[in-house]
Amino acid sequence: MLSKKQLQDVCLLHQGGASCCRYLAEDDQNYNVWYCVKHKLAEKKKIDQKITQWVQECKKQGLDPNTQNVPLADNCSGYPVLKHLEQGYDKP
């Protein structure tokens, strides 16, 4: 799970928009817990494909993807999904 500081300062979770990391996944049981799925290659590939298609569709419609309130960023090198260990730049 990602630390609150990681979510706030790096992932930019509650800032919304394009600056928020696209690789965040909310826990199925606890909606206050978030994970980085960047190292889950199948998940990462799905997210990247979805975002690429969405950006292309925005461009076809003459829309700026960065103003559509959709997470587009790739803010860090990623973390493995660990459900019982808090992770982040502020954790050793």
PDB file of N, CA and C in Angstrom:
ATOM      1  N   MET A   1       0.841  -1.168   0.000  1.00  0.00           N
ATOM      2  CA  MET A   1       0.000   0.000   0.000  1.00  0.00           C
ATOM      3  C   MET A   1       0.884   1.227   0.000  1.00  0.00           C
ATOM      4  N   LEU A   2       0.409   2.281  -0.606  1.00  0.00           N
ATOM      5  CA  LEU A   2       1.198   3.501  -0.697  1.00  0.00           C
ATOM      6  C   LEU A   2       0.921   4.400   0.505  1.00  0.00           C
ATOM      7  N   SER A   3       1.975   5.077   0.958  1.00  0.00           N
ATOM      8  CA  SER A   3       1.851   5.975   2.103  1.00  0.00           C
ATOM      9  C   SER A   3       1.048   7.219   1.709  1.00  0.00           C
ATOM     10  N   LYS A   4       0.491   7.882   2.708  1.00  0.00           N
ATOM     11  CA  LYS A   4      -0.286   9.100   2.450  1.00  0.00           C
ATOM     12  C   LYS A   4       0.575  10.180   1.806  1.00  0.00           C
ATOM     13  N   LYS A   5       1.839  10.289   2.259  1.00  0.00           N
ATOM     14  CA  LYS A   5       2.728  11.288   1.663  1.00  0.00           C
ATOM     15  C   LYS A   5       3.030  10.956   0.203  1.00  0.00           C
ATOM     16  N   GLN A   6       3.228   9.688  -0.112  1.00  0.00           N
ATOM     17  CA  GLN A   6       3.466   9.277  -1.495  1.00  0.00           C
ATOM     18  C   GLN A   6       2.255   9.644  -2.354  1.00  0.00           C
ATOM     19  N   LEU A   7       1.079   9.320  -1.867  1.00  0.00           N
ATOM     20  CA  LEU A   7      -0.147   9.623  -2.610  1.00  0.00           C
ATOM     21  C   LEU A   7      -0.330  11.124  -2.812  1.00  0.00           C
ATOM     22  N   GLN A   8      -0.026  11.888  -1.789  1.00  0.00           N
ATOM     23  CA  GLN A   8      -0.232  13.340  -1.836  1.00  0.00           C
ATOM     24  C   GLN A   8       0.846  14.048  -2.646  1.00  0.00           C
ATOM     25  N   ASP A   9       2.108  13.735  -2.393  1.00  0.00           N
ATOM     26  CA  ASP A   9       3.212  14.505  -2.963  1.00  0.00           C
ATOM     27  C   ASP A   9       3.708  14.011  -4.317  1.00  0.00           C
ATOM     28  N   VAL A  10       3.593  12.712  -4.587  1.00  0.00           N
ATOM     29  CA  VAL A  10       4.132  12.153  -5.833  1.00  0.00           C
ATOM     30  C   VAL A  10       3.005  11.710  -6.764  1.00  0.00           C
ATOM     31  N   CYS A  11       2.096  10.913  -6.258  1.00  0.00           N
ATOM     32  CA  CYS A  11       1.002  10.411  -7.099  1.00  0.00           C
ATOM     33  C   CYS A  11      -0.016  11.505  -7.415  1.00  0.00           C
ATOM     34  N   LEU A  12      -0.078  12.512  -6.550  1.00  0.00           N
ATOM     35  CA  LEU A  12      -0.998  13.643  -6.705  1.00  0.00           C
ATOM     36  C   LEU A  12      -2.454  13.181  -6.782  1.00  0.00           C
ATOM     37  N   LEU A  13      -2.783  12.242  -5.915  1.00  0.00           N
ATOM     38  CA  LEU A  13      -4.091  11.597  -5.938  1.00  0.00           C
ATOM     39  C   LEU A  13      -5.257  12.578  -5.847  1.00  0.00           C
ATOM     40  N   HIS A  14      -5.252  13.458  -4.897  1.00  0.00           N
ATOM     41  CA  HIS A  14      -6.409  14.329  -4.680  1.00  0.00           C
ATOM     42  C   HIS A  14      -6.317  15.650  -5.427  1.00  0.00           C
ATOM     43  N   GLN A  15      -5.307  15.804  -6.255  1.00  0.00           N
ATOM     44  CA  GLN A  15      -5.210  17.008  -7.075  1.00  0.00           C
ATOM     45  C   GLN A  15      -5.962  16.839  -8.384  1.00  0.00           C
ATOM     46  N   GLY A  16      -6.239  15.599  -8.717  1.00  0.00           N
ATOM     47  CA  GLY A  16      -7.039  15.307  -9.901  1.00  0.00           C
ATOM     48  C   GLY A  16      -6.374  15.725 -11.202  1.00  0.00           C
ATOM     49  N   GLY A  17      -7.063  15.501 -12.263  1.00  0.00           N
ATOM     50  CA  GLY A  17      -6.594  15.908 -13.573  1.00  0.00           C
ATOM     51  C   GLY A  17      -5.435  15.092 -14.096  1.00  0.00           C
ATOM     52  N   ALA A  18      -4.818  15.614 -15.129  1.00  0.00           N
ATOM     53  CA  ALA A  18      -3.770  14.913 -15.851  1.00  0.00           C
ATOM     54  C   ALA A  18      -2.514  14.695 -15.021  1.00  0.00           C
ATOM     55  N   SER A  19      -2.290  15.477 -13.994  1.00  0.00           N
ATOM     56  CA  SER A  19      -1.074  15.336 -13.186  1.00  0.00           C
ATOM     57  C   SER A  19      -1.132  14.145 -12.234  1.00  0.00           C
ATOM     58  N   CYS A  20      -2.297  13.590 -11.991  1.00  0.00           N
ATOM     59  CA  CYS A  20      -2.450  12.418 -11.132  1.00  0.00           C
ATOM     60  C   CYS A  20      -1.916  11.189 -11.867  1.00  0.00           C
ATOM     61  N   CYS A  21      -1.258  10.308 -11.125  1.00  0.00           N
ATOM     62  CA  CYS A  21      -0.651   9.116 -11.719  1.00  0.00           C
ATOM     63  C   CYS A  21      -1.712   8.149 -12.259  1.00  0.00           C
ATOM     64  N   ARG A  22      -1.461   7.646 -13.427  1.00  0.00           N
ATOM     65  CA  ARG A  22      -2.397   6.717 -14.069  1.00  0.00           C
ATOM     66  C   ARG A  22      -2.320   5.302 -13.516  1.00  0.00           C
ATOM     67  N   TYR A  23      -1.273   4.975 -12.761  1.00  0.00           N
ATOM     68  CA  TYR A  23      -1.049   3.612 -12.298  1.00  0.00           C
ATOM     69  C   TYR A  23      -1.570   3.348 -10.890  1.00  0.00           C
ATOM     70  N   LEU A  24      -2.425   4.180 -10.379  1.00  0.00           N
ATOM     71  CA  LEU A  24      -3.000   3.967  -9.050  1.00  0.00           C
ATOM     72  C   LEU A  24      -4.182   3.016  -9.128  1.00  0.00           C
ATOM     73  N   ALA A  25      -4.260   2.150  -8.136  1.00  0.00           N
ATOM     74  CA  ALA A  25      -5.397   1.224  -8.038  1.00  0.00           C
ATOM     75  C   ALA A  25      -5.882   1.223  -6.600  1.00  0.00           C
ATOM     76  N   GLU A  26      -7.159   1.375  -6.441  1.00  0.00           N
ATOM     77  CA  GLU A  26      -7.774   1.392  -5.114  1.00  0.00           C
ATOM     78  C   GLU A  26      -7.990  -0.039  -4.629  1.00  0.00           C
ATOM     79  N   ASP A  27      -7.805  -0.270  -3.333  1.00  0.00           N
ATOM     80  CA  ASP A  27      -8.033  -1.581  -2.743  1.00  0.00           C
ATOM     81  C   ASP A  27      -9.514  -1.950  -2.850  1.00  0.00           C
ATOM     82  N   ASP A  28      -9.793  -3.215  -3.091  1.00  0.00           N
ATOM     83  CA  ASP A  28     -11.175  -3.674  -3.236  1.00  0.00           C
ATOM     84  C   ASP A  28     -11.953  -3.642  -1.921  1.00  0.00           C
ATOM     85  N   GLN A  29     -11.262  -3.797  -0.809  1.00  0.00           N
ATOM     86  CA  GLN A  29     -11.920  -3.876   0.499  1.00  0.00           C
ATOM     87  C   GLN A  29     -11.892  -2.558   1.271  1.00  0.00           C
ATOM     88  N   ASN A  30     -10.821  -1.791   1.120  1.00  0.00           N
ATOM     89  CA  ASN A  30     -10.637  -0.567   1.885  1.00  0.00           C
ATOM     90  C   ASN A  30     -10.376   0.581   0.915  1.00  0.00           C
ATOM     91  N   TYR A  31     -11.315   1.482   0.786  1.00  0.00           N
ATOM     92  CA  TYR A  31     -11.225   2.543  -0.199  1.00  0.00           C
ATOM     93  C   TYR A  31     -10.279   3.671   0.203  1.00  0.00           C
ATOM     94  N   ASN A  32      -9.609   3.539   1.338  1.00  0.00           N
ATOM     95  CA  ASN A  32      -8.587   4.497   1.756  1.00  0.00           C
ATOM     96  C   ASN A  32      -7.188   3.972   1.475  1.00  0.00           C
ATOM     97  N   VAL A  33      -7.085   2.806   0.860  1.00  0.00           N
ATOM     98  CA  VAL A  33      -5.797   2.175   0.566  1.00  0.00           C
ATOM     99  C   VAL A  33      -5.611   2.137  -0.950  1.00  0.00           C
ATOM    100  N   TRP A  34      -4.413   2.544  -1.374  1.00  0.00           N
ATOM    101  CA  TRP A  34      -4.087   2.597  -2.793  1.00  0.00           C
ATOM    102  C   TRP A  34      -2.794   1.845  -3.065  1.00  0.00           C
ATOM    103  N   TYR A  35      -2.677   1.298  -4.273  1.00  0.00           N
ATOM    104  CA  TYR A  35      -1.498   0.567  -4.706  1.00  0.00           C
ATOM    105  C   TYR A  35      -1.010   1.135  -6.030  1.00  0.00           C
ATOM    106  N   CYS A  36       0.250   0.905  -6.290  1.00  0.00           N
ATOM    107  CA  CYS A  36       0.830   1.228  -7.589  1.00  0.00           C
ATOM    108  C   CYS A  36       0.886  -0.070  -8.389  1.00  0.00           C
ATOM    109  N   VAL A  37       0.290  -0.080  -9.567  1.00  0.00           N
ATOM    110  CA  VAL A  37       0.277  -1.296 -10.386  1.00  0.00           C
ATOM    111  C   VAL A  37       1.246  -1.212 -11.565  1.00  0.00           C
ATOM    112  N   LYS A  38       2.181  -0.281 -11.488  1.00  0.00           N
ATOM    113  CA  LYS A  38       3.132  -0.091 -12.579  1.00  0.00           C
ATOM    114  C   LYS A  38       4.005  -1.323 -12.814  1.00  0.00           C
ATOM    115  N   HIS A  39       4.318  -2.085 -11.762  1.00  0.00           N
ATOM    116  CA  HIS A  39       5.154  -3.271 -11.911  1.00  0.00           C
ATOM    117  C   HIS A  39       4.350  -4.536 -12.209  1.00  0.00           C
ATOM    118  N   LYS A  40       3.041  -4.441 -12.252  1.00  0.00           N
ATOM    119  CA  LYS A  40       2.206  -5.554 -12.709  1.00  0.00           C
ATOM    120  C   LYS A  40       2.041  -5.356 -14.215  1.00  0.00           C
ATOM    121  N   LEU A  41       2.891  -6.021 -14.960  1.00  0.00           N
ATOM    122  CA  LEU A  41       3.020  -5.714 -16.383  1.00  0.00           C
ATOM    123  C   LEU A  41       1.719  -5.828 -17.173  1.00  0.00           C
ATOM    124  N   ALA A  42       0.881  -6.798 -16.850  1.00  0.00           N
ATOM    125  CA  ALA A  42      -0.395  -6.932 -17.568  1.00  0.00           C
ATOM    126  C   ALA A  42      -1.296  -5.731 -17.281  1.00  0.00           C
ATOM    127  N   GLU A  43      -1.343  -5.304 -16.026  1.00  0.00           N
ATOM    128  CA  GLU A  43      -2.147  -4.127 -15.653  1.00  0.00           C
ATOM    129  C   GLU A  43      -1.604  -2.867 -16.316  1.00  0.00           C
ATOM    130  N   LYS A  44      -0.286  -2.701 -16.257  1.00  0.00           N
ATOM    131  CA  LYS A  44       0.360  -1.527 -16.850  1.00  0.00           C
ATOM    132  C   LYS A  44       0.062  -1.452 -18.337  1.00  0.00           C
ATOM    133  N   LYS A  45       0.172  -2.577 -19.017  1.00  0.00           N
ATOM    134  CA  LYS A  45      -0.079  -2.613 -20.456  1.00  0.00           C
ATOM    135  C   LYS A  45      -1.514  -2.213 -20.780  1.00  0.00           C
ATOM    136  N   LYS A  46      -2.471  -2.736 -19.996  1.00  0.00           N
ATOM    137  CA  LYS A  46      -3.885  -2.376 -20.213  1.00  0.00           C
ATOM    138  C   LYS A  46      -4.103  -0.887 -20.013  1.00  0.00           C
ATOM    139  N   ILE A  47      -3.527  -0.345 -18.945  1.00  0.00           N
ATOM    140  CA  ILE A  47      -3.690   1.079 -18.650  1.00  0.00           C
ATOM    141  C   ILE A  47      -3.075   1.915 -19.767  1.00  0.00           C
ATOM    142  N   ASP A  48      -1.862   1.574 -20.163  1.00  0.00           N
ATOM    143  CA  ASP A  48      -1.184   2.334 -21.212  1.00  0.00           C
ATOM    144  C   ASP A  48      -1.959   2.298 -22.526  1.00  0.00           C
ATOM    145  N   GLN A  49      -2.483   1.133 -22.889  1.00  0.00           N
ATOM    146  CA  GLN A  49      -3.261   1.022 -24.125  1.00  0.00           C
ATOM    147  C   GLN A  49      -4.534   1.854 -24.037  1.00  0.00           C
ATOM    148  N   LYS A  50      -5.204   1.776 -22.909  1.00  0.00           N
ATOM    149  CA  LYS A  50      -6.447   2.534 -22.719  1.00  0.00           C
ATOM    150  C   LYS A  50      -6.191   4.038 -22.804  1.00  0.00           C
ATOM    151  N   ILE A  51      -5.116   4.490 -22.151  1.00  0.00           N
ATOM    152  CA  ILE A  51      -4.792   5.919 -22.166  1.00  0.00           C
ATOM    153  C   ILE A  51      -4.397   6.362 -23.572  1.00  0.00           C
ATOM    154  N   THR A  52      -3.604   5.556 -24.264  1.00  0.00           N
ATOM    155  CA  THR A  52      -3.194   5.899 -25.629  1.00  0.00           C
ATOM    156  C   THR A  52      -4.404   6.035 -26.542  1.00  0.00           C
ATOM    157  N   GLN A  53      -5.329   5.098 -26.468  1.00  0.00           N
ATOM    158  CA  GLN A  53      -6.548   5.172 -27.278  1.00  0.00           C
ATOM    159  C   GLN A  53      -7.377   6.392 -26.905  1.00  0.00           C
ATOM    160  N   TRP A  54      -7.478   6.666 -25.616  1.00  0.00           N
ATOM    161  CA  TRP A  54      -8.278   7.799 -25.161  1.00  0.00           C
ATOM    162  C   TRP A  54      -7.678   9.123 -25.642  1.00  0.00           C
ATOM    163  N   VAL A  55      -6.353   9.252 -25.565  1.00  0.00           N
ATOM    164  CA  VAL A  55      -5.677  10.469 -26.015  1.00  0.00           C
ATOM    165  C   VAL A  55      -5.895  10.653 -27.522  1.00  0.00           C
ATOM    166  N   GLN A  56      -5.799   9.573 -28.283  1.00  0.00           N
ATOM    167  CA  GLN A  56      -6.038   9.655 -29.724  1.00  0.00           C
ATOM    168  C   GLN A  56      -7.465  10.098 -30.023  1.00  0.00           C
ATOM    169  N   GLU A  57      -8.420   9.573 -29.256  1.00  0.00           N
ATOM    170  CA  GLU A  57      -9.821   9.959 -29.447  1.00  0.00           C
ATOM    171  C   GLU A  57     -10.035  11.444 -29.118  1.00  0.00           C
ATOM    172  N   CYS A  58      -9.401  11.906 -28.054  1.00  0.00           N
ATOM    173  CA  CYS A  58      -9.493  13.336 -27.700  1.00  0.00           C
ATOM    174  C   CYS A  58      -8.957  14.196 -28.831  1.00  0.00           C
ATOM    175  N   LYS A  59      -7.819  13.813 -29.370  1.00  0.00           N
ATOM    176  CA  LYS A  59      -7.212  14.597 -30.446  1.00  0.00           C
ATOM    177  C   LYS A  59      -8.102  14.629 -31.681  1.00  0.00           C
ATOM    178  N   LYS A  60      -8.764  13.493 -31.999  1.00  0.00           N
ATOM    179  CA  LYS A  60      -9.686  13.455 -33.134  1.00  0.00           C
ATOM    180  C   LYS A  60     -10.837  14.434 -32.936  1.00  0.00           C
ATOM    181  N   GLN A  61     -11.262  14.586 -31.678  1.00  0.00           N
ATOM    182  CA  GLN A  61     -12.374  15.468 -31.366  1.00  0.00           C
ATOM    183  C   GLN A  61     -11.933  16.905 -31.104  1.00  0.00           C
ATOM    184  N   GLY A  62     -10.637  17.154 -31.219  1.00  0.00           N
ATOM    185  CA  GLY A  62     -10.119  18.500 -30.998  1.00  0.00           C
ATOM    186  C   GLY A  62     -10.047  18.899 -29.533  1.00  0.00           C
ATOM    187  N   LEU A  63      -9.995  17.901 -28.636  1.00  0.00           N
ATOM    188  CA  LEU A  63      -9.938  18.184 -27.205  1.00  0.00           C
ATOM    189  C   LEU A  63      -8.510  18.034 -26.693  1.00  0.00           C
ATOM    190  N   ASP A  64      -8.165  18.820 -25.692  1.00  0.00           N
ATOM    191  CA  ASP A  64      -6.866  18.694 -25.050  1.00  0.00           C
ATOM    192  C   ASP A  64      -6.990  17.650 -23.947  1.00  0.00           C
ATOM    193  N   PRO A  65      -6.293  16.510 -24.045  1.00  0.00           N
ATOM    194  CA  PRO A  65      -6.394  15.454 -23.032  1.00  0.00           C
ATOM    195  C   PRO A  65      -6.021  15.934 -21.625  1.00  0.00           C
ATOM    196  N   ASN A  66      -5.150  16.922 -21.542  1.00  0.00           N
ATOM    197  CA  ASN A  66      -4.701  17.420 -20.242  1.00  0.00           C
ATOM    198  C   ASN A  66      -5.756  18.221 -19.498  1.00  0.00           C
ATOM    199  N   THR A  67      -6.835  18.569 -20.155  1.00  0.00           N
ATOM    200  CA  THR A  67      -7.896  19.345 -19.501  1.00  0.00           C
ATOM    201  C   THR A  67      -9.157  18.524 -19.254  1.00  0.00           C
ATOM    202  N   GLN A  68      -9.069  17.203 -19.415  1.00  0.00           N
ATOM    203  CA  GLN A  68     -10.251  16.351 -19.313  1.00  0.00           C
ATOM    204  C   GLN A  68     -10.420  15.664 -17.962  1.00  0.00           C
ATOM    205  N   ASN A  69      -9.607  16.020 -16.978  1.00  0.00           N
ATOM    206  CA  ASN A  69      -9.711  15.478 -15.616  1.00  0.00           C
ATOM    207  C   ASN A  69      -9.540  13.959 -15.563  1.00  0.00           C
ATOM    208  N   VAL A  70      -8.623  13.450 -16.377  1.00  0.00           N
ATOM    209  CA  VAL A  70      -8.300  12.027 -16.416  1.00  0.00           C
ATOM    210  C   VAL A  70      -6.833  11.867 -16.037  1.00  0.00           C
ATOM    211  N   PRO A  71      -6.510  10.946 -15.123  1.00  0.00           N
ATOM    212  CA  PRO A  71      -5.102  10.739 -14.734  1.00  0.00           C
ATOM    213  C   PRO A  71      -4.262  10.262 -15.918  1.00  0.00           C
ATOM    214  N   LEU A  72      -3.223  11.023 -16.246  1.00  0.00           N
ATOM    215  CA  LEU A  72      -2.378  10.690 -17.385  1.00  0.00           C
ATOM    216  C   LEU A  72      -0.911  10.520 -17.013  1.00  0.00           C
ATOM    217  N   ALA A  73      -0.538  10.938 -15.824  1.00  0.00           N
ATOM    218  CA  ALA A  73       0.880  11.050 -15.473  1.00  0.00           C
ATOM    219  C   ALA A  73       1.526   9.707 -15.135  1.00  0.00           C
ATOM    220  N   ASP A  74       2.835   9.714 -15.240  1.00  0.00           N
ATOM    221  CA  ASP A  74       3.704   8.602 -14.869  1.00  0.00           C
ATOM    222  C   ASP A  74       4.717   9.215 -13.905  1.00  0.00           C
ATOM    223  N   ASN A  75       4.358   9.287 -12.622  1.00  0.00           N
ATOM    224  CA  ASN A  75       5.053  10.140 -11.667  1.00  0.00           C
ATOM    225  C   ASN A  75       6.254   9.543 -10.958  1.00  0.00           C
ATOM    226  N   CYS A  76       6.470   8.241 -11.029  1.00  0.00           N
ATOM    227  CA  CYS A  76       7.605   7.648 -10.308  1.00  0.00           C
ATOM    228  C   CYS A  76       8.010   6.341 -10.974  1.00  0.00           C
ATOM    229  N   SER A  77       9.036   5.705 -10.422  1.00  0.00           N
ATOM    230  CA  SER A  77       9.510   4.447 -10.996  1.00  0.00           C
ATOM    231  C   SER A  77       8.650   3.252 -10.594  1.00  0.00           C
ATOM    232  N   GLY A  78       7.715   3.447  -9.671  1.00  0.00           N
ATOM    233  CA  GLY A  78       6.763   2.411  -9.303  1.00  0.00           C
ATOM    234  C   GLY A  78       7.136   1.640  -8.055  1.00  0.00           C
ATOM    235  N   TYR A  79       6.172   0.890  -7.538  1.00  0.00           N
ATOM    236  CA  TYR A  79       6.322   0.063  -6.341  1.00  0.00           C
ATOM    237  C   TYR A  79       5.616  -1.260  -6.572  1.00  0.00           C
ATOM    238  N   PRO A  80       6.138  -2.342  -6.005  1.00  0.00           N
ATOM    239  CA  PRO A  80       5.414  -3.617  -6.099  1.00  0.00           C
ATOM    240  C   PRO A  80       4.137  -3.549  -5.261  1.00  0.00           C
ATOM    241  N   VAL A  81       3.157  -4.324  -5.617  1.00  0.00           N
ATOM    242  CA  VAL A  81       1.900  -4.347  -4.864  1.00  0.00           C
ATOM    243  C   VAL A  81       2.116  -5.182  -3.605  1.00  0.00           C
ATOM    244  N   LEU A  82       2.163  -4.513  -2.473  1.00  0.00           N
ATOM    245  CA  LEU A  82       2.303  -5.171  -1.169  1.00  0.00           C
ATOM    246  C   LEU A  82       1.139  -4.700  -0.301  1.00  0.00           C
ATOM    247  N   LYS A  83       0.273  -5.622   0.069  1.00  0.00           N
ATOM    248  CA  LYS A  83      -0.953  -5.242   0.767  1.00  0.00           C
ATOM    249  C   LYS A  83      -0.758  -4.899   2.239  1.00  0.00           C
ATOM    250  N   HIS A  84       0.321  -5.364   2.858  1.00  0.00           N
ATOM    251  CA  HIS A  84       0.470  -5.150   4.296  1.00  0.00           C
ATOM    252  C   HIS A  84       1.711  -4.360   4.668  1.00  0.00           C
ATOM    253  N   LEU A  85       2.356  -3.748   3.692  1.00  0.00           N
ATOM    254  CA  LEU A  85       3.551  -2.957   3.939  1.00  0.00           C
ATOM    255  C   LEU A  85       3.392  -1.598   3.275  1.00  0.00           C
ATOM    256  N   GLU A  86       3.459  -0.560   4.067  1.00  0.00           N
ATOM    257  CA  GLU A  86       3.331   0.797   3.541  1.00  0.00           C
ATOM    258  C   GLU A  86       4.603   1.173   2.788  1.00  0.00           C
ATOM    259  N   GLN A  87       4.431   1.738   1.602  1.00  0.00           N
ATOM    260  CA  GLN A  87       5.554   2.090   0.737  1.00  0.00           C
ATOM    261  C   GLN A  87       5.432   3.534   0.280  1.00  0.00           C
ATOM    262  N   GLY A  88       6.560   4.130  -0.041  1.00  0.00           N
ATOM    263  CA  GLY A  88       6.580   5.473  -0.557  1.00  0.00           C
ATOM    264  C   GLY A  88       7.944   6.100  -0.388  1.00  0.00           C
ATOM    265  N   TYR A  89       8.113   7.287  -0.940  1.00  0.00           N
ATOM    266  CA  TYR A  89       9.397   7.968  -0.845  1.00  0.00           C
ATOM    267  C   TYR A  89       9.760   8.293   0.596  1.00  0.00           C
ATOM    268  N   ASP A  90       8.783   8.374   1.458  1.00  0.00           N
ATOM    269  CA  ASP A  90       9.005   8.729   2.860  1.00  0.00           C
ATOM    270  C   ASP A  90       9.231   7.511   3.740  1.00  0.00           C
ATOM    271  N   LYS A  91       9.228   6.327   3.173  1.00  0.00           N
ATOM    272  CA  LYS A  91       9.419   5.093   3.936  1.00  0.00           C
ATOM    273  C   LYS A  91      10.780   4.475   3.593  1.00  0.00           C
ATOM    274  N   PRO A  92      11.495   3.974   4.614  1.00  0.00           N
ATOM    275  CA  PRO A  92      12.823   3.366   4.349  1.00  0.00           C
ATOM    276  C   PRO A  92      12.731   2.062   3.588  1.00  0.00           C
TER     277      PRO A  92
END
